[in-house]
Protein backbone atom coordinates (compact mmCIF):
# COMPACT_ATOMS: atom_id res chain seq x y z
CA MET A 1 9.01 -12.16 17.98
CA PRO A 2 12.89 -11.41 17.74
CA PHE A 3 14.22 -10.17 13.98
CA SER A 4 15.59 -13.30 12.25
CA THR A 5 16.70 -14.18 8.66
CA ALA A 6 14.23 -16.78 6.92
CA SER A 7 14.76 -18.97 3.73
CA GLY A 8 12.36 -20.92 1.94
CA SER A 9 9.27 -20.04 0.03
CA ARG A 10 9.06 -16.72 1.63
CA GLN A 11 11.91 -15.72 -0.50
CA GLY A 12 9.43 -15.13 -3.46
CA VAL A 13 6.89 -12.81 -1.47
CA ARG A 14 7.11 -9.24 -2.82
CA PRO A 15 4.33 -6.85 -4.02
CA PHE A 16 2.71 -7.70 -7.25
CA LEU A 17 0.94 -4.08 -7.48
CA LYS A 18 2.42 -0.90 -8.51
CA TRP A 19 1.32 1.43 -6.45
CA ALA A 20 1.50 5.25 -5.79
CA GLY A 21 4.15 5.91 -3.23
CA GLY A 22 5.30 2.48 -2.97
CA LYS A 23 8.01 1.94 -0.41
CA ARG A 24 10.24 -1.12 -2.25
CA GLN A 25 13.08 1.53 -2.56
CA LEU A 26 13.11 2.65 0.85
CA LEU A 27 13.03 -0.83 2.84
CA GLY A 28 16.61 -0.39 3.65
CA ASP A 29 15.86 2.80 5.48
CA LEU A 30 12.63 1.55 7.45
CA ARG A 31 14.21 -1.39 8.37
CA ARG A 32 16.22 0.25 10.73
CA PHE A 33 13.01 1.36 12.64
CA VAL A 34 11.64 -2.08 13.12
CA PRO A 35 11.66 -2.97 16.51
CA ALA A 36 13.59 -6.03 17.84
CA VAL A 37 10.52 -7.65 19.22
CA VAL A 38 6.75 -7.34 17.79
CA SER A 39 3.89 -8.55 19.53
CA ALA A 40 1.55 -7.82 16.56
CA TYR A 41 1.83 -6.10 13.17
CA HIS A 42 -0.72 -3.48 11.82
CA GLU A 43 -0.59 -1.73 8.70
CA PRO A 44 -3.68 0.68 7.96
CA PHE A 45 -2.61 2.24 4.76
CA LEU A 46 -1.68 -1.40 2.93
CA GLY A 47 -1.31 -0.12 -0.57
CA SER A 48 1.23 -2.07 -2.34
CA ALA A 49 2.23 -3.83 1.26
CA ALA A 50 5.98 -3.58 0.48
CA LEU A 51 7.01 -3.53 4.23
CA PHE A 52 4.66 -6.19 5.09
CA PHE A 53 5.88 -8.53 2.35
CA ASP A 54 9.67 -7.65 3.39
CA LEU A 55 8.94 -8.38 7.17
CA TRP A 56 7.12 -11.76 6.52
CA LYS A 57 9.93 -12.57 4.01
CA SER A 58 12.57 -11.69 7.05
CA GLY A 59 10.64 -14.06 9.00
CA HIS A 60 9.98 -10.85 11.66
CA LEU A 61 6.40 -11.58 11.41
CA ARG A 62 6.51 -15.34 12.01
CA GLU A 63 3.76 -16.50 14.60
CA ILE A 64 2.26 -13.27 15.17
CA PRO A 65 -1.15 -11.33 13.91
CA CYS A 66 -0.96 -9.15 11.24
CA ALA A 67 -3.74 -6.75 10.80
CA LEU A 68 -3.87 -5.22 7.35
CA GLY A 69 -6.10 -2.57 6.29
CA ASP A 70 -6.81 0.16 3.58
CA ALA A 71 -10.11 2.48 3.02
CA ASN A 72 -9.84 1.50 -0.55
CA ARG A 73 -12.09 -1.18 -1.26
CA ASP A 74 -11.00 -2.20 -4.91
CA LEU A 75 -7.27 -2.90 -3.30
CA ILE A 76 -8.95 -4.90 -0.48
CA GLY A 77 -11.13 -6.80 -3.08
CA VAL A 78 -7.96 -7.54 -5.12
CA TYR A 79 -5.74 -8.83 -1.96
CA ARG A 80 -8.88 -11.00 -0.69
CA ALA A 81 -9.57 -12.64 -4.65
CA VAL A 82 -5.61 -13.39 -4.75
CA ALA A 83 -5.77 -14.93 -1.14
CA ARG A 84 -8.87 -17.15 -1.84
CA ASP A 85 -8.59 -18.02 -5.42
CA PRO A 86 -5.20 -17.88 -7.11
CA ASP A 87 -5.88 -20.20 -9.72
CA GLU A 88 -8.78 -18.34 -11.07
CA VAL A 89 -7.22 -14.89 -11.17
CA ILE A 90 -4.02 -16.54 -12.54
CA ALA A 91 -6.23 -18.25 -15.46
CA GLU A 92 -8.04 -15.14 -16.10
CA LEU A 93 -4.96 -12.87 -15.99
CA ARG A 94 -3.38 -15.42 -18.52
CA ARG A 95 -6.00 -14.72 -20.59
CA LEU A 96 -5.72 -11.04 -20.36
CA ALA A 97 -2.28 -11.03 -21.29
CA THR A 98 -2.70 -12.83 -24.33
CA LEU A 99 -5.07 -10.34 -25.46
CA HIS A 100 -2.68 -7.66 -24.64
CA ALA A 101 0.16 -9.52 -26.52
CA ARG A 102 -2.20 -9.36 -29.45
CA ASP A 103 -3.88 -5.85 -29.40
CA GLY A 104 -1.80 -3.70 -27.16
CA GLU A 105 -3.22 -0.41 -26.46
CA PRO A 106 -6.90 -0.95 -27.65
CA ALA A 107 -6.99 -4.36 -25.42
CA TYR A 108 -6.34 -1.66 -22.51
CA TYR A 109 -9.19 0.62 -23.16
CA GLN A 110 -11.51 -2.50 -23.98
CA VAL A 111 -10.89 -3.92 -20.75
CA ARG A 112 -11.08 -0.75 -19.01
CA ASP A 113 -14.18 0.67 -20.32
CA ARG A 114 -16.31 -2.33 -21.24
CA LEU A 115 -15.22 -4.98 -18.77
CA PHE A 116 -13.69 -3.16 -15.62
CA ASN A 117 -15.62 -0.20 -14.90
CA PRO A 118 -19.22 -2.04 -15.70
CA GLY A 119 -18.24 -4.51 -13.42
CA ARG A 120 -16.72 -2.59 -10.43
CA ARG A 121 -19.89 -0.64 -10.61
CA GLN A 122 -21.89 -3.83 -10.22
CA HIS A 123 -19.69 -4.91 -7.52
CA GLU A 124 -19.64 -1.76 -5.61
CA ALA A 125 -23.46 -1.87 -5.65
CA ALA A 126 -23.64 -5.13 -4.13
CA GLY A 127 -21.53 -3.76 -1.00
CA LEU A 128 -18.93 -6.70 -1.25
CA ASP A 129 -15.43 -6.32 -0.01
CA SER A 130 -14.08 -9.30 -2.07
CA TYR A 131 -13.47 -8.99 -5.73
CA PRO A 132 -14.53 -12.03 -8.09
CA PRO A 133 -11.55 -13.29 -9.58
CA ALA A 134 -12.37 -11.98 -13.22
CA LEU A 135 -12.43 -8.39 -11.72
CA ALA A 136 -9.36 -9.05 -9.52
CA ALA A 137 -7.44 -9.85 -12.92
CA MET A 138 -8.67 -7.00 -14.64
CA PHE A 139 -7.53 -4.86 -11.86
CA ILE A 140 -3.99 -6.43 -11.60
CA TYR A 141 -3.90 -6.15 -15.52
CA LEU A 142 -4.88 -2.25 -15.71
CA ASN A 143 -2.66 -1.92 -12.86
CA ARG A 144 0.51 -3.33 -14.68
CA THR A 145 -0.20 -1.53 -18.07
CA GLY A 146 -1.68 1.72 -17.08
CA TYR A 147 -0.07 4.98 -16.82
CA ASN A 148 2.71 4.70 -13.59
CA GLY A 149 0.03 2.08 -12.29
CA LEU A 150 -1.64 4.81 -10.78
CA PHE A 151 -5.36 4.35 -9.31
CA ARG A 152 -7.65 7.17 -10.13
CA LEU A 153 -11.32 7.41 -10.39
CA ASN A 154 -13.24 10.09 -12.04
CA SER A 155 -16.32 12.00 -10.75
CA SER A 156 -18.53 9.47 -11.89
CA GLY A 157 -16.51 6.77 -9.95
CA ASP A 158 -15.25 5.25 -13.12
CA PHE A 159 -11.38 4.32 -13.29
CA ASN A 160 -9.86 6.49 -15.93
CA VAL A 161 -6.18 5.97 -15.93
CA PRO A 162 -4.99 6.07 -19.41
CA ALA A 163 -2.65 3.42 -20.91
CA GLY A 164 0.97 3.10 -20.45
CA ARG A 165 3.96 2.99 -22.85
CA TYR A 166 5.31 -0.45 -21.89
CA ARG A 167 7.11 -2.30 -24.41
CA ASN A 168 6.62 -5.89 -22.76
CA PRO A 169 4.84 -5.41 -19.64
CA GLY A 170 4.86 -8.06 -16.92
CA ILE A 171 1.39 -9.02 -16.65
CA CYS A 172 0.85 -12.37 -15.05
CA ASP A 173 3.61 -13.46 -12.64
CA GLU A 174 1.94 -16.81 -11.63
CA LYS A 175 4.88 -17.78 -9.29
CA LEU A 176 4.73 -14.50 -7.34
CA LEU A 177 0.93 -14.41 -7.19
CA ARG A 178 0.86 -18.14 -5.88
CA SER A 179 3.41 -16.93 -2.86
CA VAL A 180 1.27 -13.92 -2.25
CA SER A 181 -1.86 -16.04 -2.05
CA ALA A 182 0.05 -18.42 0.42
CA VAL A 183 0.87 -15.29 2.68
CA LEU A 184 -2.32 -13.64 2.41
CA GLY A 185 -4.31 -16.57 3.07
CA SER A 186 -2.73 -17.45 6.21
CA GLU A 187 -4.64 -17.69 9.44
CA ARG A 188 -2.35 -15.15 11.20
CA VAL A 189 -3.42 -12.52 8.49
CA THR A 190 -6.50 -10.20 8.27
CA LEU A 191 -7.87 -8.19 5.78
CA LYS A 192 -9.91 -5.31 6.19
CA VAL A 193 -11.60 -2.35 4.41
CA GLN A 194 -11.57 0.11 7.11
CA PRO A 195 -10.71 3.63 7.90
CA PHE A 196 -7.27 4.07 9.61
CA THR A 197 -8.42 5.33 12.81
CA ALA A 198 -9.88 1.64 13.31
CA VAL A 199 -6.16 0.56 14.40
CA GLU A 200 -6.94 2.35 17.69
CA ALA A 201 -9.13 -0.37 18.78
CA ALA A 202 -7.07 -3.08 17.98
CA ALA A 203 -3.32 -2.05 18.88
CA ARG A 204 -1.69 -3.02 22.26
CA ARG A 205 1.49 -2.27 24.03
CA GLY A 206 4.26 -3.91 22.36
CA ASP A 207 2.49 -3.87 18.67
CA PHE A 208 4.26 -2.19 15.86
CA VAL A 209 2.22 -0.22 13.80
CA TYR A 210 3.39 1.39 10.39
CA PHE A 211 1.35 4.16 8.67
CA ASP A 212 2.04 5.15 5.31
CA PRO A 213 -0.82 7.55 4.39
CA PRO A 214 -1.13 9.77 1.45
CA TYR A 215 1.43 12.30 1.44
CA ALA A 216 1.00 15.83 2.43
CA PRO A 217 1.61 17.80 -0.69
CA LEU A 218 4.88 20.10 -0.69
CA SER A 219 3.11 22.79 -2.83
CA PRO A 220 -0.53 23.66 -3.54
CA THR A 221 -0.36 22.02 -7.12
CA ALA A 222 1.36 18.87 -5.93
CA SER A 223 -1.54 17.53 -4.36
CA PHE A 224 -2.14 13.54 -5.39
CA THR A 225 -5.89 12.80 -4.11
CA SER A 226 -6.16 9.85 -6.13
CA TYR A 227 -5.50 7.12 -3.60
CA THR A 228 -9.59 6.98 -2.65
CA ALA A 229 -12.18 8.74 -4.12
CA ALA A 230 -11.57 11.34 -1.23
CA ALA A 231 -8.66 13.66 -0.76
CA PHE A 232 -6.57 13.09 2.39
CA SER A 233 -6.79 16.87 3.75
CA ASP A 234 -4.55 18.62 6.31
CA GLU A 235 -7.37 17.66 8.79
CA ASP A 236 -7.04 14.33 8.17
CA GLN A 237 -3.08 14.69 8.64
CA ARG A 238 -3.93 16.12 12.29
CA THR A 239 -6.16 13.22 13.07
CA LEU A 240 -3.46 10.83 11.99
CA GLN A 241 -0.92 12.84 14.28
CA ALA A 242 -3.12 12.73 17.29
CA LEU A 243 -3.59 8.96 16.83
CA VAL A 244 0.05 8.35 16.39
CA VAL A 245 0.62 10.27 19.82
CA ARG A 246 -1.77 8.47 21.31
CA LEU A 247 -0.69 5.00 20.27
CA ALA A 248 3.16 5.95 21.15
CA ARG A 249 2.06 6.84 24.73
CA ARG A 250 0.09 3.44 24.79
CA GLY A 251 3.43 1.77 24.44
CA CYS A 252 3.32 0.72 20.65
CA SER A 253 6.36 0.78 18.42
CA VAL A 254 4.88 3.23 15.53
CA VAL A 255 6.41 4.27 12.44
CA VAL A 256 5.03 6.95 9.87
CA SER A 257 6.05 7.77 6.27
CA ASN A 258 5.44 11.01 5.06
CA SER A 259 6.43 13.84 2.81
CA THR A 260 8.52 16.86 4.61
CA ALA A 261 5.65 19.35 3.74
CA PRO A 262 5.17 22.16 6.54
CA VAL A 263 2.07 20.80 8.07
CA VAL A 264 4.03 17.61 8.79
CA ARG A 265 7.06 19.28 9.89
CA ASP A 266 4.88 20.99 12.57
CA LEU A 267 2.84 18.16 13.61
CA TYR A 268 5.74 15.71 14.28
CA GLU A 269 8.33 18.33 15.70
CA SER A 270 5.89 20.01 17.94
CA ARG A 271 6.30 19.59 21.66
CA GLU A 272 3.33 17.05 21.92
CA ALA A 273 4.89 14.73 19.64
CA ARG A 274 8.40 14.69 21.20
CA GLU A 275 7.02 14.20 24.59
CA ALA A 276 5.38 11.03 23.48
CA GLY A 277 9.03 10.01 22.12
CA LEU A 278 8.59 10.53 18.27
CA GLU A 279 11.27 11.84 16.11
CA THR A 280 11.56 12.89 12.50
CA HIS A 281 13.94 11.22 10.27
CA ARG A 282 14.90 12.66 6.91
CA ILE A 283 15.74 10.32 3.84
CA GLY A 284 16.26 10.63 0.41
CA ALA A 285 13.87 9.01 -2.27
CA ARG A 286 13.25 8.59 -5.78
CA ARG A 287 10.08 9.75 -6.95
CA ALA A 288 8.44 9.52 -10.74
CA ILE A 289 4.85 10.74 -10.14
CA ASN A 290 4.89 14.28 -11.23
CA SER A 291 3.33 16.15 -14.20
CA LYS A 292 6.40 18.06 -14.51
CA ALA A 293 9.56 15.75 -15.81
CA SER A 294 11.92 18.25 -14.19
CA ARG A 295 10.18 17.94 -10.71
CA ARG A 296 11.09 14.08 -10.79
CA GLY A 297 14.02 12.59 -9.13
CA LEU A 298 15.42 12.55 -5.55
CA VAL A 299 13.33 14.02 -3.04
CA GLU A 300 13.42 14.14 1.01
CA GLU A 301 10.88 12.43 3.04
CA PHE A 302 10.12 11.96 6.82
CA VAL A 303 10.25 8.64 8.79
CA ILE A 304 8.80 9.59 11.98
CA SER A 305 9.17 7.31 14.73
CA ASN A 306 9.19 6.55 18.58
CA VAL A 307 11.97 3.41 17.96
CA LYS A 308 15.58 4.45 17.82
CA PRO A 309 17.09 3.40 14.64
CA ARG A 310 19.47 0.83 13.99
CA ASN A 311 22.76 1.98 12.57
């Protein structure tokens, strides 16, 4: 479907979750790599879904299937709950917003330790891929009021992010949640808990695949491994690169976001990657997730693609 500018209800669609490495600030750069014609859209590392929502809002994904996936069961569970039960999620979130306005930080720890973590353990034991509305609302509340919107689990599998310091956090954006529900509930959108490698069986020539994996650390002490319970290793980066090369050779339009770490540079500036039509492009991004304030700020990241960027 060719790129077009859309209006109407889609204008209100944007991420409702904070997420490590979210791409809202880089959408202008990423749009340059979106192909003019797309047969289907795949996003195996969904995260905050910033690019998906942006392309949906623009009309670029109109009338084509959109396959959204992530290995994070909690994340997909929340998205499914918002898609299926927006009224119930909003009602629960209103209650949590009222509690937070009254009690502040103690409310955060009460919800995290006495409600969310026990409820999450029960849900995980049942092996379900969709959160009930109350659990989804708690996830959104903790995301909006926790430190930097991080999702982190301890060795026992419990969410352990401390409270953030926000004077007036936006907890329940009812209009946004209803807009997101309308999009994620579309018959053209699928949400699956699955490894990123599953996209290989689904993607076809002419499809657009966007990969936004956990970034390779720029230094041995900079690794951020809280995206899922397991780390995303250098071996995972190599598996991803081999998959990207195969999809590019298949005729898919592929875009990858990643850090400029040596392992990423070596993988995507290799002869194999170049022969598949992949090129690395450096862009500037402002990042805030670092334990040392002096290391936060503007950094260079890679956009890797076989799509020739528009000026």
